[in-house]
């Protein structure tokens, strides 16, 4: 029973990671113009944009990896 709860918690966490990554991708176009208006960050806007996309990819990739491992583990006896 406890193993089943852990698996459910891991699946919920994986979905949360994927949704957070998608949220990052959704917010980047809305937030970047505001960041580019700050004089100190204006020159580094390309690097900042890259970092945001990198974080989004990491979140989605981590969630997908966690889901893959959970469903792969379920198939084993």
Protein backbone atom coordinates (compact mmCIF):
# COMPACT_ATOMS: atom_id res chain seq x y z
CA UNK A 1 0.00 0.00 0.00
CA UNK A 2 2.78 2.45 0.90
CA UNK A 3 4.59 1.62 -2.36
CA UNK A 4 1.45 2.52 -4.31
CA UNK A 5 1.22 5.89 -2.51
CA UNK A 6 4.87 6.63 -3.26
CA UNK A 7 4.28 5.88 -6.93
CA UNK A 8 1.25 8.17 -7.01
CA UNK A 9 3.21 10.94 -5.30
CA UNK A 10 6.06 10.50 -7.80
CA UNK A 11 3.64 10.66 -10.72
CA UNK A 12 2.02 13.81 -9.33
CA UNK A 13 5.48 15.35 -8.87
CA UNK A 14 6.44 14.44 -12.45
CA UNK A 15 3.30 16.07 -13.83
CA UNK A 16 3.97 19.14 -11.69
CA UNK A 17 7.50 19.40 -13.13
CA UNK A 18 6.19 19.16 -16.68
CA UNK A 19 3.52 21.80 -16.03
CA UNK A 20 6.09 24.10 -14.42
CA UNK A 21 8.33 23.74 -17.48
CA UNK A 22 5.44 24.52 -19.80
CA UNK A 23 4.61 27.52 -17.61
CA UNK A 24 8.15 28.81 -18.03
CA UNK A 25 7.82 28.55 -21.82
CA UNK A 26 4.47 30.36 -21.65
CA UNK A 27 5.80 33.23 -19.50
CA UNK A 28 9.11 33.94 -21.29
CA UNK A 29 7.60 36.09 -24.08
CA UNK A 30 5.60 38.06 -21.50
CA UNK A 31 8.47 38.67 -19.07
CA UNK A 32 11.41 39.29 -21.40
CA UNK A 33 10.31 42.78 -22.59
CA UNK A 34 10.16 43.89 -18.95
CA UNK A 35 13.61 42.45 -18.24
CA UNK A 36 15.05 44.08 -21.37
CA UNK A 37 13.87 47.50 -20.15
CA UNK A 38 16.20 47.27 -17.13
CA UNK A 39 19.44 48.94 -18.25
CA UNK A 40 21.70 46.57 -16.33
CA UNK A 41 20.18 43.48 -18.01
CA UNK A 42 19.70 44.93 -21.50
CA UNK A 43 23.05 43.71 -22.83
CA UNK A 44 22.59 40.22 -21.39
CA UNK A 45 19.02 39.68 -22.59
CA UNK A 46 20.04 36.91 -25.00
CA UNK A 47 21.81 35.00 -22.24
CA UNK A 48 18.88 35.51 -19.86
CA UNK A 49 16.45 34.23 -22.50
CA UNK A 50 18.68 31.19 -23.07
CA UNK A 51 18.76 30.47 -19.32
CA UNK A 52 14.97 30.65 -19.04
CA UNK A 53 14.51 28.24 -21.95
CA UNK A 54 17.17 25.96 -20.48
CA UNK A 55 15.32 25.87 -17.15
CA UNK A 56 12.08 25.06 -18.96
CA UNK A 57 13.71 22.22 -20.88
CA UNK A 58 15.24 20.84 -17.67
CA UNK A 59 11.88 20.89 -15.89
CA UNK A 60 10.05 19.17 -18.74
CA UNK A 61 12.87 16.67 -19.26
CA UNK A 62 13.02 15.82 -15.56
CA UNK A 63 9.29 15.30 -15.36
CA UNK A 64 9.26 13.11 -18.47
CA UNK A 65 12.18 11.06 -17.14
CA UNK A 66 10.41 10.57 -13.81
CA UNK A 67 7.19 9.48 -15.56
CA UNK A 68 9.11 7.10 -17.81
CA UNK A 69 10.83 5.46 -14.84
CA UNK A 70 7.59 5.16 -12.87
CA UNK A 71 5.73 3.44 -15.71
CA UNK A 72 8.73 1.27 -16.52
CA UNK A 73 8.89 0.18 -12.88
CA UNK A 74 5.16 -0.65 -12.85
CA UNK A 75 5.66 -3.25 -15.58
CA UNK A 76 8.10 -5.25 -13.43
CA UNK A 77 6.76 -7.79 -10.93
